[in-house]
Amino acid sequence: MKLRNLTATALAMFLAAAPVAAQNENVSTETEAEKAQRMEWFSQAKFGVFIHWGIYAVKGVSESWSFYNSYLPYEEYMDQCKGFTAANYDPKAWVQLIKESGAKYTVITTKHHDGVALWDTKVGDLSIKKCTPAAKDVLTPFVNEVRKQKLHLGLYYSLLDWSRDDYPNDTRNTTRYAIKDDPKRWDSFCKFNFGQMEELSKQYKPDLWWFDGDWEQDAETWRSSEIVKLLRSYSPKCIINSRIAGYGDYDTPEQGVPVVRPDSKYWELCMTMNDSWGFQHTDTNYKTPHMLLRTYVDCLSNGGNLLLDIGPKEDGTIPEEQIAILKEFGRWNKKHAEAIYNTRAGIPAEHFQGYTSLNKAGDILYLYLPYKPNGPIEIKGLMNKVNRIWVVGNGAMLNYKVYNKNYWNDIPGNLYIDVPDQVLDPQITVIAVLLDGPCKLYRGAGKVQTSN
């Protein structure tokens, strides 16, 4: 992921959050209905687990960016290869934990910007198998477990590779060569890049591609349309994120939930548990489960997914703090499954003081309470008749009453719901409101009384 100086960070955040551009007509001719069918599992997955694992876990430094930003020399960064053992790596346990968390998909870094591949690449010289004491392909056993345990597989792949001499940009974004002056050298890099993507496509046929690093070249230079054609020649239904210079299927804002609901129909927030993507010994600044779950329901409320990151140590063990967070997500997701996986974006924020979502039919409104109510909770502008209200995962029926409904106009009153302390979840309580039909809201500014 990205850690740069201020100007570069601003640029990277803009590119990451930019709306997905329409695909080139030569790349895809699918209809909106066909795309909706292809994106169905992703739109209902809601929660995924990101994994940043590589040689950077040895010293516990920032993945690739630590040498890019001159925090340590490139040679010293790459010397971490000598300490990467994967001695306690248990891919089965990894995937069991991810599945227990309630995640429906997982995305793993096949290689970061440093170019060190987790699989046994035949195209390049840098890999965990060739360059570290682990001396093995660590990606394949993980993929096999993901398939065995029936999760969707996502592969992170860095388009740029700062370790290759035929890649034009060096650290600090200095220039090794100008592509226009040495097109053969760029062709050499593209041959390598396409070769690695073809290896991954042939061997693993991922459900999702998670690209990164596209900001250093434009779509034409990356040959983005050709990349998409290559990937879909092996996996016609694969989903591609937006970081391929506008040729992707969904947006990928990073670290901060959008304040305004994204225009894109499909989006995913990627986020760290502490302040780091890969394992860093000194980073103990973990967010609490409540903070992370609150971000999660914010995503649900706006119709997006959360891709929450873990960073295993060099030996393959996952830090205890990260395990504890995933287990708490698992408890909460299991309890509230009906209000998560088959939902869509909720009602506008001004109608309820909290987060909301709707079921597919639109006749169940879910209310997420990340706080202990000080009195009844309130929904404004709900025009539907309420059939019943209950606590999700608890079953308790709740009392409710409508106030301020006047007979002389069609403006709905205010719905108040009693939520007693004994039904509250330790983290976030979920309330289900069953309506007499698809949710209808009054969006006006009110009326003057004309009768009494």
Protein backbone atom coordinates (compact mmCIF):
# COMPACT_ATOMS: atom_id res chain seq x y z
CA MET A 1 0.00 0.00 0.00
CA LYS A 2 1.01 3.65 -0.01
CA LEU A 3 3.18 5.67 2.36
CA ARG A 4 4.75 8.68 0.63
CA ASN A 5 5.63 12.32 1.11
CA LEU A 6 2.64 14.64 1.37
CA THR A 7 2.30 15.57 -2.30
CA ALA A 8 2.59 11.99 -3.53
CA THR A 9 0.17 10.76 -0.87
CA ALA A 10 -2.44 13.25 -1.97
CA LEU A 11 -2.03 12.10 -5.57
CA ALA A 12 -2.21 8.42 -4.63
CA MET A 13 -5.35 8.96 -2.51
CA PHE A 14 -6.98 10.81 -5.39
CA LEU A 15 -6.21 7.99 -7.79
CA ALA A 16 -7.35 5.31 -5.33
CA ALA A 17 -10.66 7.04 -4.66
CA ALA A 18 -11.34 8.15 -8.25
CA PRO A 19 -14.53 6.70 -9.79
CA VAL A 20 -14.12 3.63 -11.94
CA ALA A 21 -13.90 4.68 -15.57
CA ALA A 22 -15.96 3.03 -18.25
CA GLN A 23 -14.10 0.13 -19.77
CA ASN A 24 -12.72 0.43 -23.28
CA GLU A 25 -15.21 -1.00 -25.75
CA ASN A 26 -12.53 -3.35 -27.01
CA VAL A 27 -12.13 -4.86 -23.52
CA SER A 28 -15.70 -5.79 -22.71
CA THR A 29 -19.08 -5.73 -24.38
CA GLU A 30 -21.03 -7.10 -21.43
CA THR A 31 -24.38 -5.56 -20.54
CA GLU A 32 -25.17 -4.01 -17.18
CA ALA A 33 -27.23 -7.09 -16.34
CA GLU A 34 -24.30 -9.37 -17.17
CA LYS A 35 -21.95 -7.28 -15.06
CA ALA A 36 -24.43 -7.32 -12.17
CA GLN A 37 -24.50 -11.11 -12.35
CA ARG A 38 -20.69 -11.30 -12.40
CA MET A 39 -20.45 -8.88 -9.46
CA GLU A 40 -23.19 -10.57 -7.42
CA TRP A 41 -20.96 -12.51 -5.02
CA PHE A 42 -18.79 -9.45 -4.40
CA SER A 43 -21.73 -7.17 -3.71
CA GLN A 44 -23.07 -9.60 -1.11
CA ALA A 45 -19.72 -10.59 0.44
CA LYS A 46 -19.49 -7.42 2.58
CA PHE A 47 -16.36 -8.48 4.46
CA GLY A 48 -12.96 -9.66 3.27
CA VAL A 49 -9.51 -10.10 4.80
CA PHE A 50 -6.43 -8.54 3.21
CA ILE A 51 -3.01 -10.14 3.83
CA HIS A 52 0.28 -8.28 3.46
CA TRP A 53 3.09 -10.79 3.85
CA GLY A 54 6.63 -10.53 2.58
CA ILE A 55 10.27 -10.04 3.48
CA TYR A 56 9.43 -6.64 5.02
CA ALA A 57 8.13 -8.52 8.09
CA VAL A 58 11.70 -9.54 9.01
CA LYS A 59 12.79 -6.09 10.22
CA GLY A 60 9.21 -4.94 10.54
CA VAL A 61 9.57 -2.07 8.07
CA SER A 62 7.12 -0.53 5.66
CA GLU A 63 6.61 -2.77 2.65
CA SER A 64 8.69 -1.40 -0.29
CA TRP A 65 8.08 2.23 0.72
CA SER A 66 10.80 2.05 3.37
CA PHE A 67 13.51 1.97 0.70
CA TYR A 68 11.53 4.20 -1.68
CA ASN A 69 11.42 6.89 1.00
CA SER A 70 15.09 6.29 1.94
CA TYR A 71 14.36 5.10 5.47
CA LEU A 72 16.93 2.39 4.76
CA PRO A 73 19.08 1.55 1.72
CA TYR A 74 17.64 -0.78 -0.91
CA GLU A 75 20.41 -3.30 -0.28
CA GLU A 76 19.59 -3.42 3.43
CA TYR A 77 15.90 -3.82 2.66
CA MET A 78 16.55 -6.74 0.32
CA ASP A 79 18.93 -8.29 2.86
CA GLN A 80 15.76 -9.20 4.79
CA CYS A 81 15.48 -12.14 2.39
CA LYS A 82 18.02 -13.91 4.62
CA GLY A 83 15.63 -13.80 7.58
CA PHE A 84 12.35 -14.88 5.98
CA THR A 85 11.74 -18.46 7.15
CA ALA A 86 7.96 -19.12 7.13
CA ALA A 87 8.93 -21.67 9.80
CA ASN A 88 5.53 -21.64 11.52
CA TYR A 89 3.39 -20.96 8.47
CA ASP A 90 0.09 -22.85 8.64
CA PRO A 91 -2.11 -21.92 5.67
CA LYS A 92 -4.94 -24.13 6.91
CA ALA A 93 -5.06 -22.24 10.23
CA TRP A 94 -4.89 -18.92 8.37
CA VAL A 95 -7.89 -19.74 6.25
CA GLN A 96 -9.85 -21.21 9.16
CA LEU A 97 -9.35 -17.94 11.05
CA ILE A 98 -10.38 -15.88 8.04
CA LYS A 99 -13.49 -18.00 7.57
CA GLU A 100 -14.30 -17.80 11.29
CA SER A 101 -14.16 -14.00 11.04
CA GLY A 102 -17.15 -14.04 8.72
CA ALA A 103 -15.13 -12.98 5.68
CA LYS A 104 -16.38 -14.29 2.34
CA TYR A 105 -13.18 -13.52 0.45
CA THR A 106 -9.51 -12.93 1.04
CA VAL A 107 -6.84 -11.02 -0.89
CA ILE A 108 -3.14 -11.86 -0.50
CA THR A 109 -0.09 -9.97 -1.76
CA THR A 110 1.46 -12.18 -4.45
CA LYS A 111 4.19 -9.54 -4.66
CA HIS A 112 4.56 -5.94 -3.52
CA HIS A 113 6.47 -3.11 -5.22
CA ASP A 114 9.75 -4.72 -4.10
CA GLY A 115 9.16 -7.47 -6.65
CA VAL A 116 9.60 -10.46 -4.29
CA ALA A 117 7.07 -13.10 -5.39
CA LEU A 118 5.34 -15.44 -2.95
CA TRP A 119 4.90 -18.09 -5.64
CA ASP A 120 7.55 -20.02 -7.56
CA THR A 121 7.71 -17.69 -10.52
CA LYS A 122 9.60 -18.90 -13.57
CA VAL A 123 9.58 -15.46 -15.16
CA GLY A 124 11.62 -13.48 -12.61
CA ASP A 125 14.52 -14.14 -10.26
CA LEU A 126 13.04 -12.68 -7.07
CA SER A 127 10.87 -15.05 -5.05
CA ILE A 128 10.49 -16.50 -1.58
CA LYS A 129 11.49 -19.90 -2.94
CA LYS A 130 14.66 -18.73 -4.67
CA CYS A 131 15.89 -16.03 -2.29
CA THR A 132 14.95 -16.93 1.30
CA PRO A 133 15.54 -19.73 3.84
CA ALA A 134 11.85 -20.63 3.46
CA ALA A 135 12.90 -22.02 0.06
CA LYS A 136 9.35 -22.84 -1.00
CA ASP A 137 6.29 -21.56 -2.76
CA VAL A 138 4.12 -20.14 0.04
CA LEU A 139 1.24 -18.97 -2.16
CA THR A 140 0.03 -22.29 -3.59
CA PRO A 141 -0.80 -23.99 -0.24
CA PHE A 142 -2.74 -20.89 0.82
CA VAL A 143 -4.71 -20.86 -2.43
CA ASN A 144 -5.46 -24.57 -2.07
CA GLU A 145 -6.87 -23.99 1.43
CA VAL A 146 -8.96 -21.03 0.27
CA ARG A 147 -10.52 -23.21 -2.41
CA LYS A 148 -10.95 -26.14 -0.02
CA GLN A 149 -12.71 -23.97 2.56
CA LYS A 150 -14.88 -22.36 -0.13
CA LEU A 151 -13.86 -18.74 0.14
CA HIS A 152 -13.43 -16.43 -2.83
CA LEU A 153 -9.80 -15.86 -3.79
CA GLY A 154 -8.30 -12.45 -4.50
CA LEU A 155 -4.72 -11.87 -5.63
CA TYR A 156 -2.92 -8.55 -5.01
CA TYR A 157 -0.40 -7.74 -7.73
CA SER A 158 1.85 -4.71 -8.02
CA LEU A 159 1.97 -3.43 -11.59
CA LEU A 160 5.19 -1.57 -10.89
CA ASP A 161 8.39 -3.32 -9.81
CA TRP A 162 11.15 -1.11 -8.41
CA SER A 163 13.65 -3.98 -8.30
CA ARG A 164 13.81 -4.46 -12.07
CA ASP A 165 16.28 -2.51 -14.16
CA ASP A 166 13.87 -2.49 -17.10
CA TYR A 167 11.20 -0.70 -15.06
CA PRO A 168 11.56 3.05 -15.79
CA ASN A 169 11.00 4.54 -12.33
CA ASP A 170 13.54 4.13 -9.54
CA THR A 171 13.18 5.02 -5.85
CA ARG A 172 11.98 8.53 -5.08
CA ASN A 173 10.39 8.39 -8.54
CA THR A 174 13.64 9.28 -10.27
CA THR A 175 13.92 8.06 -13.84
CA ARG A 176 16.08 5.21 -15.06
CA TYR A 177 15.01 5.93 -18.62
CA ALA A 178 12.23 7.57 -20.60
CA ILE A 179 9.89 5.03 -22.19
CA LYS A 180 9.60 7.08 -25.40
CA ASP A 181 13.40 7.05 -25.77
CA ASP A 182 13.84 3.34 -25.06
CA PRO A 183 10.66 1.46 -26.03
CA LYS A 184 12.48 -1.87 -26.27
CA ARG A 185 13.40 -1.66 -22.61
CA TRP A 186 9.76 -0.99 -21.70
CA ASP A 187 8.70 -3.89 -23.92
CA SER A 188 11.07 -6.08 -21.91
CA PHE A 189 9.35 -5.06 -18.67
CA CYS A 190 5.88 -5.57 -20.14
CA LYS A 191 6.89 -9.06 -21.29
CA PHE A 192 7.96 -9.82 -17.71
CA ASN A 193 4.82 -8.27 -16.21
CA PHE A 194 2.45 -10.11 -18.54
CA GLY A 195 4.43 -13.30 -17.94
CA GLN A 196 3.90 -13.15 -14.18
CA MET A 197 0.20 -12.31 -14.52
CA GLU A 198 -0.22 -15.23 -16.90
CA GLU A 199 1.51 -17.56 -14.43
CA LEU A 200 -0.88 -16.49 -11.68
CA SER A 201 -3.89 -16.75 -13.98
CA LYS A 202 -3.00 -20.25 -15.18
CA GLN A 203 -2.16 -21.63 -11.75
CA TYR A 204 -4.82 -20.05 -9.56
CA LYS A 205 -7.65 -18.59 -11.67
CA PRO A 206 -8.52 -16.02 -8.98
CA ASP A 207 -12.03 -14.70 -8.49
CA LEU A 208 -10.64 -11.19 -7.99
CA TRP A 209 -7.55 -9.22 -9.02
CA TRP A 210 -6.40 -6.46 -6.68
CA PHE A 211 -3.95 -4.25 -8.58
CA ASP A 212 -1.77 -1.54 -7.08
CA GLY A 213 0.88 0.89 -8.33
CA ASP A 214 -0.90 2.10 -11.46
CA TRP A 215 -0.26 5.79 -10.72
CA GLU A 216 3.24 5.77 -12.24
CA GLN A 217 2.05 5.14 -15.84
CA ASP A 218 -1.15 5.68 -17.80
CA ALA A 219 -3.55 3.01 -19.08
CA GLU A 220 -2.10 2.97 -22.58
CA THR A 221 1.45 2.57 -21.28
CA TRP A 222 0.47 -0.21 -18.87
CA ARG A 223 -1.49 -1.81 -21.74
CA SER A 224 -4.41 -2.08 -19.35
CA SER A 225 -6.91 -3.25 -21.95
CA GLU A 226 -4.56 -6.09 -22.91
CA ILE A 227 -4.10 -7.01 -19.24
CA VAL A 228 -7.86 -7.30 -18.76
CA LYS A 229 -8.16 -9.44 -21.90
CA LEU A 230 -5.39 -11.72 -20.63
CA LEU A 231 -6.95 -12.18 -17.20
CA ARG A 232 -10.44 -12.81 -18.57
CA SER A 233 -9.10 -15.33 -21.08
CA TYR A 234 -8.38 -17.55 -18.07
CA SER A 235 -11.18 -16.43 -15.73
CA PRO A 236 -14.01 -14.80 -17.71
CA LYS A 237 -15.92 -13.84 -14.57
CA CYS A 238 -13.02 -12.48 -12.56
CA ILE A 239 -13.51 -9.13 -10.84
CA ILE A 240 -10.83 -6.42 -11.15
CA ASN A 241 -10.32 -3.47 -8.83
CA SER A 242 -10.03 0.12 -10.04
CA ARG A 243 -6.24 0.43 -9.75
CA ILE A 244 -5.51 -0.52 -13.32
CA ALA A 245 -5.77 3.03 -14.68
CA GLY A 246 -9.56 3.03 -14.93
CA TYR A 247 -10.24 -0.42 -16.35
CA GLY A 248 -11.59 -2.01 -13.19
CA ASP A 249 -15.00 -3.02 -11.86
CA TYR A 250 -15.08 -1.33 -8.46
CA ASP A 251 -13.60 1.57 -6.48
CA THR A 252 -11.03 1.14 -3.71
CA PRO A 253 -10.92 4.02 -1.21
CA GLU A 254 -8.19 3.47 1.36
CA GLN A 255 -8.12 3.84 5.17
CA GLY A 256 -10.99 6.37 5.44
CA VAL A 257 -14.68 5.63 4.81
CA PRO A 258 -16.18 8.01 2.23
CA VAL A 259 -18.07 10.79 3.99
CA VAL A 260 -20.52 10.99 1.09
CA ARG A 261 -21.94 7.79 -0.39
CA PRO A 262 -19.84 6.87 -3.47
CA ASP A 263 -21.40 7.21 -6.91
CA SER A 264 -19.99 3.85 -7.89
CA LYS A 265 -22.38 0.93 -7.45
CA TYR A 266 -19.52 -1.28 -6.27
CA TRP A 267 -16.83 -0.23 -3.82
CA GLU A 268 -14.61 -1.55 -1.05
CA LEU A 269 -12.72 0.16 1.75
CA CYS A 270 -9.29 -1.33 2.48
CA MET A 271 -8.11 -0.61 5.99
CA THR A 272 -5.44 -1.59 8.52
CA MET A 273 -6.04 -2.74 12.10
CA ASN A 274 -3.21 -0.54 13.37
CA ASP A 275 -1.23 1.92 11.21
CA SER A 276 0.66 -0.61 9.09
CA TRP A 277 -0.15 -3.02 6.27
CA GLY A 278 2.69 -5.48 6.83
CA PHE A 279 3.90 -6.61 10.26
CA GLN A 280 5.81 -3.92 12.16
CA HIS A 281 7.20 -4.69 15.61
CA THR A 282 6.85 -1.12 16.85
CA ASP A 283 3.29 -0.48 15.69
CA THR A 284 1.03 -1.22 18.65
CA ASN A 285 -1.52 1.44 17.74
CA TYR A 286 -4.39 -0.99 17.21
CA LYS A 287 -7.93 0.23 16.77
CA THR A 288 -10.44 -1.42 19.09
CA PRO A 289 -12.90 -4.01 17.73
CA HIS A 290 -15.65 -1.47 18.35
CA MET A 291 -13.91 1.14 16.21
CA LEU A 292 -13.35 -1.33 13.38
CA LEU A 293 -16.90 -2.71 13.57
CA ARG A 294 -18.21 0.83 13.49
CA THR A 295 -16.26 1.42 10.28
CA TYR A 296 -17.66 -1.85 8.96
CA VAL A 297 -21.30 -0.89 9.50
CA ASP A 298 -20.52 2.50 7.97
CA CYS A 299 -19.50 0.60 4.83
CA LEU A 300 -22.66 -1.54 4.99
CA SER A 301 -24.78 1.56 5.40
CA ASN A 302 -23.32 3.01 2.21
CA GLY A 303 -23.50 -0.20 0.18
CA GLY A 304 -19.80 -1.10 0.27
CA ASN A 305 -17.45 -3.80 1.53
CA LEU A 306 -14.71 -3.71 4.15
CA LEU A 307 -11.38 -5.37 3.33
CA LEU A 308 -9.59 -5.53 6.69
CA ASP A 309 -5.84 -6.16 6.68
CA ILE A 310 -3.61 -8.50 8.66
CA GLY A 311 0.19 -8.61 8.55
CA PRO A 312 1.73 -11.96 9.52
CA LYS A 313 5.25 -12.16 10.97
CA GLU A 314 8.13 -13.51 8.88
CA ASP A 315 7.70 -17.00 10.38
CA GLY A 316 4.05 -17.10 9.34
CA THR A 317 2.43 -16.51 12.73
CA ILE A 318 -0.33 -13.94 12.96
CA PRO A 319 -0.04 -11.39 15.81
CA GLU A 320 -2.35 -12.13 18.73
CA GLU A 321 -3.95 -8.67 18.54
CA GLN A 322 -5.02 -9.36 14.96
CA ILE A 323 -6.35 -12.81 15.80
CA ALA A 324 -8.46 -11.34 18.62
CA ILE A 325 -9.96 -8.71 16.30
CA LEU A 326 -10.86 -11.28 13.64
CA LYS A 327 -12.46 -13.53 16.25
CA GLU A 328 -14.60 -10.66 17.53
CA PHE A 329 -15.65 -9.90 13.96
CA GLY A 330 -16.56 -13.56 13.69
CA ARG A 331 -18.76 -13.43 16.78
CA TRP A 332 -20.51 -10.28 15.61
CA ASN A 333 -20.94 -11.41 11.99
CA LYS A 334 -22.36 -14.77 12.99
CA LYS A 335 -24.87 -13.20 15.36
CA HIS A 336 -26.02 -10.58 12.85
CA ALA A 337 -25.66 -12.48 9.56
CA GLU A 338 -29.18 -11.65 8.36
CA ALA A 339 -28.38 -7.93 8.62
CA ILE A 340 -25.09 -8.18 6.73
CA TYR A 341 -24.71 -10.49 3.75
CA ASN A 342 -28.00 -9.98 1.91
CA THR A 343 -28.29 -6.26 2.43
CA ARG A 344 -27.91 -3.14 0.35
CA ALA A 345 -27.29 0.51 1.20
CA GLY A 346 -29.62 1.95 3.80
CA ILE A 347 -31.68 5.12 4.06
CA PRO A 348 -30.22 8.66 3.95
CA ALA A 349 -28.43 9.60 7.15
CA GLU A 350 -30.81 12.39 8.13
CA HIS A 351 -33.60 9.87 8.80
CA PHE A 352 -31.78 8.04 11.62
CA GLN A 353 -29.03 8.82 14.10
CA GLY A 354 -26.85 5.84 13.27
CA TYR A 355 -26.16 3.47 10.40
CA THR A 356 -28.75 1.56 8.37
CA SER A 357 -29.17 -0.99 5.60
CA LEU A 358 -32.05 -2.64 3.76
CA ASN A 359 -32.67 -6.23 2.79
CA LYS A 360 -32.85 -7.03 -0.93
CA ALA A 361 -36.64 -6.65 -1.04
CA GLY A 362 -36.40 -3.35 0.78
CA ASP A 363 -39.07 -4.23 3.33
CA ILE A 364 -36.74 -4.80 6.30
CA LEU A 365 -34.81 -1.81 7.58
CA TYR A 366 -31.80 -2.66 9.73
CA LEU A 367 -30.59 -0.14 12.32
CA TYR A 368 -27.03 -0.39 13.66
CA LEU A 369 -26.52 1.13 17.10
CA PRO A 370 -22.84 1.69 18.01
CA TYR A 371 -23.97 3.45 21.18
CA LYS A 372 -26.14 2.85 24.25
CA PRO A 373 -29.38 4.76 23.62
CA ASN A 374 -30.33 7.40 26.13
CA GLY A 375 -34.04 6.86 25.68
CA PRO A 376 -36.00 5.59 22.64
CA ILE A 377 -34.32 5.69 19.22
CA GLU A 378 -36.06 7.62 16.44
CA ILE A 379 -36.72 7.19 12.71
CA LYS A 380 -37.96 10.26 10.83
CA GLY A 381 -39.95 10.35 7.62
CA LEU A 382 -40.90 6.66 7.43
CA MET A 383 -44.12 6.42 5.42
CA ASN A 384 -44.62 2.67 5.76
CA LYS A 385 -46.73 0.89 8.31
CA VAL A 386 -44.51 -1.06 10.72
CA ASN A 387 -45.48 -4.71 11.20
CA ARG A 388 -42.99 -5.55 13.95
CA ILE A 389 -39.55 -4.71 15.32
CA TRP A 390 -37.01 -7.10 16.86
CA VAL A 391 -33.39 -7.37 17.97
CA VAL A 392 -31.27 -9.26 15.42
CA GLY A 393 -29.46 -12.23 16.94
CA ASN A 394 -31.53 -11.93 20.08
CA GLY A 395 -35.12 -12.26 18.89
CA ALA A 396 -36.62 -9.94 21.47
CA MET A 397 -39.63 -7.99 20.16
CA LEU A 398 -39.43 -4.26 20.83
CA ASN A 399 -42.14 -1.77 21.68
CA TYR A 400 -42.60 1.21 19.39
CA LYS A 401 -44.95 4.13 18.89
CA VAL A 402 -45.53 6.87 16.31
CA TYR A 403 -45.75 10.50 17.47
CA ASN A 404 -46.59 13.71 15.60
CA LYS A 405 -48.75 12.11 12.90
CA ASN A 406 -51.49 14.52 11.91
CA TYR A 407 -54.74 13.47 10.24
CA TRP A 408 -54.85 16.55 8.00
CA ASN A 409 -51.77 15.81 5.87
CA ASP A 410 -49.81 12.87 4.52
CA ILE A 411 -46.55 13.65 6.33
CA PRO A 412 -45.53 10.69 8.50
CA GLY A 413 -44.87 11.06 12.19
CA ASN A 414 -41.76 10.13 14.12
CA LEU A 415 -41.26 6.46 14.95
CA TYR A 416 -39.82 5.88 18.43
CA ILE A 417 -38.46 2.47 19.44
CA ASP A 418 -37.67 1.36 23.00
CA VAL A 419 -34.34 -0.50 23.27
CA PRO A 420 -33.84 -1.87 26.81
CA ASP A 421 -30.31 -2.37 28.15
CA GLN A 422 -30.64 -6.14 28.39
CA VAL A 423 -30.82 -6.57 24.60
CA LEU A 424 -27.71 -4.52 23.80
CA ASP A 425 -24.75 -6.19 22.07
CA PRO A 426 -21.31 -5.56 23.66
CA GLN A 427 -20.20 -3.89 20.43
CA ILE A 428 -23.00 -2.84 18.06
CA THR A 429 -26.67 -3.71 18.48
CA VAL A 430 -28.77 -4.36 15.36
CA ILE A 431 -32.51 -3.68 15.20
CA ALA A 432 -34.75 -5.02 12.41
CA VAL A 433 -37.86 -3.08 11.37
CA LEU A 434 -40.31 -5.10 9.26
CA LEU A 435 -42.35 -2.86 6.94
CA ASP A 436 -45.57 -3.44 5.02
CA GLY A 437 -43.71 -3.13 1.72
CA PRO A 438 -40.57 -1.59 0.19
CA CYS A 439 -39.29 1.27 2.31
CA LYS A 440 -40.84 4.65 1.44
CA LEU A 441 -39.56 7.91 2.89
CA TYR A 442 -40.91 11.42 3.12
CA ARG A 443 -38.17 13.77 1.90
CA GLY A 444 -39.95 17.10 2.15
CA ALA A 445 -39.57 20.11 4.42
CA GLY A 446 -42.89 19.77 6.22
CA LYS A 447 -46.13 21.74 5.84
CA VAL A 448 -48.00 24.54 7.57
CA GLN A 449 -51.10 23.51 9.52
CA THR A 450 -54.26 24.32 7.54
CA SER A 451 -56.85 22.47 9.62
CA ASN A 452 -57.51 21.63 13.25
